[in-house]
Amino acid sequence: MSIFNAMNASASALTAQRLRMDVISSNIANANTTRASVNENGAVEPYRRKMVEVEPSDRNFRTFLNKATNNTSNNPASGVKVTSIVEDEEPFKLVYNPTHPDANEAGYVQMPNVDPLKEMVDLMSATRSYEANITALNASKSMLMKALEIGK
């Protein structure tokens, strides 16, 4: 077991949370974008909310076997990784605004499926996770520094 396993796990989580915050800020910035992409029919669609999917880095059989047998000596903390950035399939919001350039014949505009309140809650969650991982990283660093002082 390496002395840097805890730091590597915290570092991978910091990277994942930073990407999560970037995606959330992109969602907030595009909350009113009505012309973001073209669908398979050739019609212009509004911005679609994006989400980050995260999973443990080490998802092989040995990891699960070691956990099942309570043998954690060969199972160091390996951190997390971002598997993908997926689009939310929730339907777009229809807003009545007949003067909008993207309004349909009935006067409704398709608006992005981004809820600013939900995005702010996700952003607060990502920020708290980021701060918790910084605290864990600093604790690991402090323990390593204390271990080095023993040799003096």
C-alpha atoms as a PDB file:
ATOM      1  CA  MET A   1       0.000   0.000   0.000  1.00  0.00           C
ATOM      2  CA  SER A   2       1.417   3.352  -1.028  1.00  0.00           C
ATOM      3  CA  ILE A   3       1.476   6.287   1.350  1.00  0.00           C
ATOM      4  CA  PHE A   4      -0.051   8.412  -1.378  1.00  0.00           C
ATOM      5  CA  ASN A   5      -3.254   6.353  -1.902  1.00  0.00           C
ATOM      6  CA  ALA A   6      -5.387   8.672   0.224  1.00  0.00           C
ATOM      7  CA  MET A   7      -4.010  11.723  -1.594  1.00  0.00           C
ATOM      8  CA  ASN A   8      -4.651  10.121  -4.988  1.00  0.00           C
ATOM      9  CA  ALA A   9      -8.237   9.305  -4.010  1.00  0.00           C
ATOM     10  CA  SER A  10      -8.839  12.894  -2.864  1.00  0.00           C
ATOM     11  CA  ALA A  11      -7.188  14.270  -6.003  1.00  0.00           C
ATOM     12  CA  SER A  12      -9.434  12.211  -8.290  1.00  0.00           C
ATOM     13  CA  ALA A  13     -12.505  13.384  -6.367  1.00  0.00           C
ATOM     14  CA  LEU A  14     -11.342  17.008  -6.631  1.00  0.00           C
ATOM     15  CA  THR A  15     -11.020  16.627 -10.394  1.00  0.00           C
ATOM     16  CA  ALA A  16     -14.481  15.047 -10.693  1.00  0.00           C
ATOM     17  CA  GLN A  17     -16.137  17.727  -8.553  1.00  0.00           C
ATOM     18  CA  ARG A  18     -14.407  20.492 -10.514  1.00  0.00           C
ATOM     19  CA  LEU A  19     -15.796  19.072 -13.769  1.00  0.00           C
ATOM     20  CA  ARG A  20     -19.212  18.792 -12.127  1.00  0.00           C
ATOM     21  CA  MET A  21     -19.067  22.481 -11.141  1.00  0.00           C
ATOM     22  CA  ASP A  22     -18.057  23.409 -14.714  1.00  0.00           C
ATOM     23  CA  VAL A  23     -21.017  21.517 -16.190  1.00  0.00           C
ATOM     24  CA  ILE A  24     -23.417  23.081 -13.675  1.00  0.00           C
ATOM     25  CA  SER A  25     -22.148  26.568 -14.488  1.00  0.00           C
ATOM     26  CA  SER A  26     -22.646  25.818 -18.189  1.00  0.00           C
ATOM     27  CA  ASN A  27     -26.235  24.769 -17.438  1.00  0.00           C
ATOM     28  CA  ILE A  28     -26.876  28.016 -15.547  1.00  0.00           C
ATOM     29  CA  ALA A  29     -25.308  30.095 -18.319  1.00  0.00           C
ATOM     30  CA  ASN A  30     -27.549  28.453 -20.941  1.00  0.00           C
ATOM     31  CA  ALA A  31     -30.784  28.517 -18.923  1.00  0.00           C
ATOM     32  CA  ASN A  32     -32.417  30.793 -21.538  1.00  0.00           C
ATOM     33  CA  THR A  33     -30.742  29.531 -24.729  1.00  0.00           C
ATOM     34  CA  THR A  34     -33.467  28.580 -27.193  1.00  0.00           C
ATOM     35  CA  ARG A  35     -31.198  27.725 -30.141  1.00  0.00           C
ATOM     36  CA  ALA A  36     -28.518  25.296 -29.002  1.00  0.00           C
ATOM     37  CA  SER A  37     -28.618  22.230 -31.231  1.00  0.00           C
ATOM     38  CA  VAL A  38     -30.293  20.595 -34.211  1.00  0.00           C
ATOM     39  CA  ASN A  39     -32.179  17.324 -33.648  1.00  0.00           C
ATOM     40  CA  GLU A  40     -32.314  14.347 -36.031  1.00  0.00           C
ATOM     41  CA  ASN A  41     -35.318  15.890 -37.836  1.00  0.00           C
ATOM     42  CA  GLY A  42     -33.374  19.055 -38.610  1.00  0.00           C
ATOM     43  CA  ALA A  43     -35.331  21.213 -36.156  1.00  0.00           C
ATOM     44  CA  VAL A  44     -33.537  23.614 -33.836  1.00  0.00           C
ATOM     45  CA  GLU A  45     -33.820  22.691 -30.152  1.00  0.00           C
ATOM     46  CA  PRO A  46     -33.130  24.642 -26.980  1.00  0.00           C
ATOM     47  CA  TYR A  47     -30.229  23.842 -24.694  1.00  0.00           C
ATOM     48  CA  ARG A  48     -30.601  20.507 -22.898  1.00  0.00           C
ATOM     49  CA  ARG A  49     -29.391  20.192 -19.288  1.00  0.00           C
ATOM     50  CA  LYS A  50     -26.229  18.140 -18.837  1.00  0.00           C
ATOM     51  CA  MET A  51     -25.223  15.995 -15.855  1.00  0.00           C
ATOM     52  CA  VAL A  52     -21.952  14.327 -14.819  1.00  0.00           C
ATOM     53  CA  GLU A  53     -21.879  10.608 -14.025  1.00  0.00           C
ATOM     54  CA  VAL A  54     -19.220   9.492 -11.534  1.00  0.00           C
ATOM     55  CA  GLU A  55     -18.246   5.976 -10.447  1.00  0.00           C
ATOM     56  CA  PRO A  56     -15.424   4.332  -8.467  1.00  0.00           C
ATOM     57  CA  SER A  57     -12.174   3.995 -10.422  1.00  0.00           C
ATOM     58  CA  ASP A  58     -11.603   0.386  -9.490  1.00  0.00           C
ATOM     59  CA  ARG A  59     -14.621  -1.661 -10.500  1.00  0.00           C
ATOM     60  CA  ASN A  60     -13.037  -5.033 -11.205  1.00  0.00           C
ATOM     61  CA  PHE A  61     -13.791  -8.458  -9.760  1.00  0.00           C
ATOM     62  CA  ARG A  62     -10.821  -8.435  -7.371  1.00  0.00           C
ATOM     63  CA  THR A  63     -12.142  -5.311  -5.640  1.00  0.00           C
ATOM     64  CA  PHE A  64     -15.554  -6.840  -5.006  1.00  0.00           C
ATOM     65  CA  LEU A  65     -14.001 -10.159  -3.925  1.00  0.00           C
ATOM     66  CA  ASN A  66     -11.724  -8.404  -1.422  1.00  0.00           C
ATOM     67  CA  LYS A  67     -14.663  -6.464  -0.015  1.00  0.00           C
ATOM     68  CA  ALA A  68     -16.760  -9.627   0.275  1.00  0.00           C
ATOM     69  CA  THR A  69     -13.997 -11.468   2.139  1.00  0.00           C
ATOM     70  CA  ASN A  70     -13.135  -8.418   4.271  1.00  0.00           C
ATOM     71  CA  ASN A  71      -9.611  -8.492   2.884  1.00  0.00           C
ATOM     72  CA  THR A  72      -8.836  -4.809   2.464  1.00  0.00           C
ATOM     73  CA  SER A  73      -5.035  -5.095   2.380  1.00  0.00           C
ATOM     74  CA  ASN A  74      -5.038  -5.449  -1.422  1.00  0.00           C
ATOM     75  CA  ASN A  75      -7.808  -2.897  -1.881  1.00  0.00           C
ATOM     76  CA  PRO A  76      -6.369   0.597  -1.473  1.00  0.00           C
ATOM     77  CA  ALA A  77      -8.495   3.644  -2.007  1.00  0.00           C
ATOM     78  CA  SER A  78      -8.510   4.228  -5.736  1.00  0.00           C
ATOM     79  CA  GLY A  79     -10.756   7.262  -6.024  1.00  0.00           C
ATOM     80  CA  VAL A  80     -13.417   8.050  -8.581  1.00  0.00           C
ATOM     81  CA  LYS A  81     -13.632   8.776 -12.286  1.00  0.00           C
ATOM     82  CA  VAL A  82     -16.085  10.582 -14.505  1.00  0.00           C
ATOM     83  CA  THR A  83     -17.677   8.051 -16.825  1.00  0.00           C
ATOM     84  CA  SER A  84     -19.711  10.420 -18.976  1.00  0.00           C
ATOM     85  CA  ILE A  85     -21.592  13.653 -19.306  1.00  0.00           C
ATOM     86  CA  VAL A  86     -25.199  12.842 -20.151  1.00  0.00           C
ATOM     87  CA  GLU A  87     -28.086  15.004 -21.287  1.00  0.00           C
ATOM     88  CA  ASP A  88     -31.240  15.193 -19.192  1.00  0.00           C
ATOM     89  CA  GLU A  89     -34.161  13.717 -21.139  1.00  0.00           C
ATOM     90  CA  GLU A  90     -36.765  15.774 -19.267  1.00  0.00           C
ATOM     91  CA  PRO A  91     -39.077  17.551 -21.750  1.00  0.00           C
ATOM     92  CA  PHE A  92     -38.561  21.206 -22.560  1.00  0.00           C
ATOM     93  CA  LYS A  93     -40.706  23.860 -20.873  1.00  0.00           C
ATOM     94  CA  LEU A  94     -43.319  25.583 -23.006  1.00  0.00           C
ATOM     95  CA  VAL A  95     -43.678  29.304 -22.351  1.00  0.00           C
ATOM     96  CA  TYR A  96     -46.300  31.475 -23.999  1.00  0.00           C
ATOM     97  CA  ASN A  97     -44.533  34.371 -25.704  1.00  0.00           C
ATOM     98  CA  PRO A  98     -45.917  35.071 -29.195  1.00  0.00           C
ATOM     99  CA  THR A  99     -43.415  37.896 -29.825  1.00  0.00           C
ATOM    100  CA  HIS A 100     -40.381  35.630 -29.363  1.00  0.00           C
ATOM    101  CA  PRO A 101     -38.579  34.804 -32.645  1.00  0.00           C
ATOM    102  CA  ASP A 102     -38.626  31.064 -31.814  1.00  0.00           C
ATOM    103  CA  ALA A 103     -42.356  30.907 -31.008  1.00  0.00           C
ATOM    104  CA  ASN A 104     -44.423  28.304 -32.818  1.00  0.00           C
ATOM    105  CA  GLU A 105     -47.767  28.974 -34.555  1.00  0.00           C
ATOM    106  CA  ALA A 106     -49.619  28.860 -31.222  1.00  0.00           C
ATOM    107  CA  GLY A 107     -47.220  31.391 -29.646  1.00  0.00           C
ATOM    108  CA  TYR A 108     -45.341  28.940 -27.412  1.00  0.00           C
ATOM    109  CA  VAL A 109     -41.552  28.869 -27.107  1.00  0.00           C
ATOM    110  CA  GLN A 110     -39.627  25.777 -26.088  1.00  0.00           C
ATOM    111  CA  MET A 111     -37.309  26.759 -23.241  1.00  0.00           C
ATOM    112  CA  PRO A 112     -34.400  24.695 -21.878  1.00  0.00           C
ATOM    113  CA  ASN A 113     -35.109  22.045 -19.252  1.00  0.00           C
ATOM    114  CA  VAL A 114     -32.734  23.807 -16.836  1.00  0.00           C
ATOM    115  CA  ASP A 115     -34.108  24.673 -13.400  1.00  0.00           C
ATOM    116  CA  PRO A 116     -31.831  27.351 -11.857  1.00  0.00           C
ATOM    117  CA  LEU A 117     -32.873  26.358  -8.331  1.00  0.00           C
ATOM    118  CA  LYS A 118     -31.936  22.715  -8.935  1.00  0.00           C
ATOM    119  CA  GLU A 119     -28.642  23.819 -10.477  1.00  0.00           C
ATOM    120  CA  MET A 120     -27.805  25.984  -7.454  1.00  0.00           C
ATOM    121  CA  VAL A 121     -28.508  23.061  -5.099  1.00  0.00           C
ATOM    122  CA  ASP A 122     -26.265  20.818  -7.229  1.00  0.00           C
ATOM    123  CA  LEU A 123     -23.590  23.515  -7.251  1.00  0.00           C
ATOM    124  CA  MET A 124     -23.717  23.801  -3.456  1.00  0.00           C
ATOM    125  CA  SER A 125     -23.438  20.003  -3.190  1.00  0.00           C
ATOM    126  CA  ALA A 126     -20.443  19.908  -5.530  1.00  0.00           C
ATOM    127  CA  THR A 127     -18.797  22.766  -3.630  1.00  0.00           C
ATOM    128  CA  ARG A 128     -19.285  20.992  -0.286  1.00  0.00           C
ATOM    129  CA  SER A 129     -17.859  17.771  -1.727  1.00  0.00           C
ATOM    130  CA  TYR A 130     -14.883  19.698  -3.086  1.00  0.00           C
ATOM    131  CA  GLU A 131     -14.275  21.300   0.323  1.00  0.00           C
ATOM    132  CA  ALA A 132     -14.563  17.914   2.083  1.00  0.00           C
ATOM    133  CA  ASN A 133     -11.968  16.434  -0.248  1.00  0.00           C
ATOM    134  CA  ILE A 134      -9.619  19.345   0.374  1.00  0.00           C
ATOM    135  CA  THR A 135     -10.001  18.719   4.107  1.00  0.00           C
ATOM    136  CA  ALA A 136      -9.214  15.020   3.612  1.00  0.00           C
ATOM    137  CA  LEU A 137      -6.209  15.907   1.457  1.00  0.00           C
ATOM    138  CA  ASN A 138      -4.901  18.315   4.099  1.00  0.00           C
ATOM    139  CA  ALA A 139      -5.402  15.682   6.821  1.00  0.00           C
ATOM    140  CA  SER A 140      -3.394  13.152   4.795  1.00  0.00           C
ATOM    141  CA  LYS A 141      -0.674  15.718   4.222  1.00  0.00           C
ATOM    142  CA  SER A 142      -0.587  16.555   7.928  1.00  0.00           C
ATOM    143  CA  MET A 143      -0.274  12.862   8.898  1.00  0.00           C
ATOM    144  CA  LEU A 144       2.582  12.370   6.435  1.00  0.00           C
ATOM    145  CA  MET A 145       4.363  15.442   7.798  1.00  0.00           C
ATOM    146  CA  LYS A 146       3.969  14.135  11.382  1.00  0.00           C
ATOM    147  CA  ALA A 147       5.346  10.752  10.272  1.00  0.00           C
ATOM    148  CA  LEU A 148       8.384  12.493   8.810  1.00  0.00           C
ATOM    149  CA  GLU A 149       8.938  14.386  12.062  1.00  0.00           C
ATOM    150  CA  ILE A 150       9.179  11.103  13.986  1.00  0.00           C
ATOM    151  CA  GLY A 151      12.503  10.428  12.303  1.00  0.00           C
ATOM    152  CA  LYS A 152      14.115  13.642  13.607  1.00  0.00           C
END
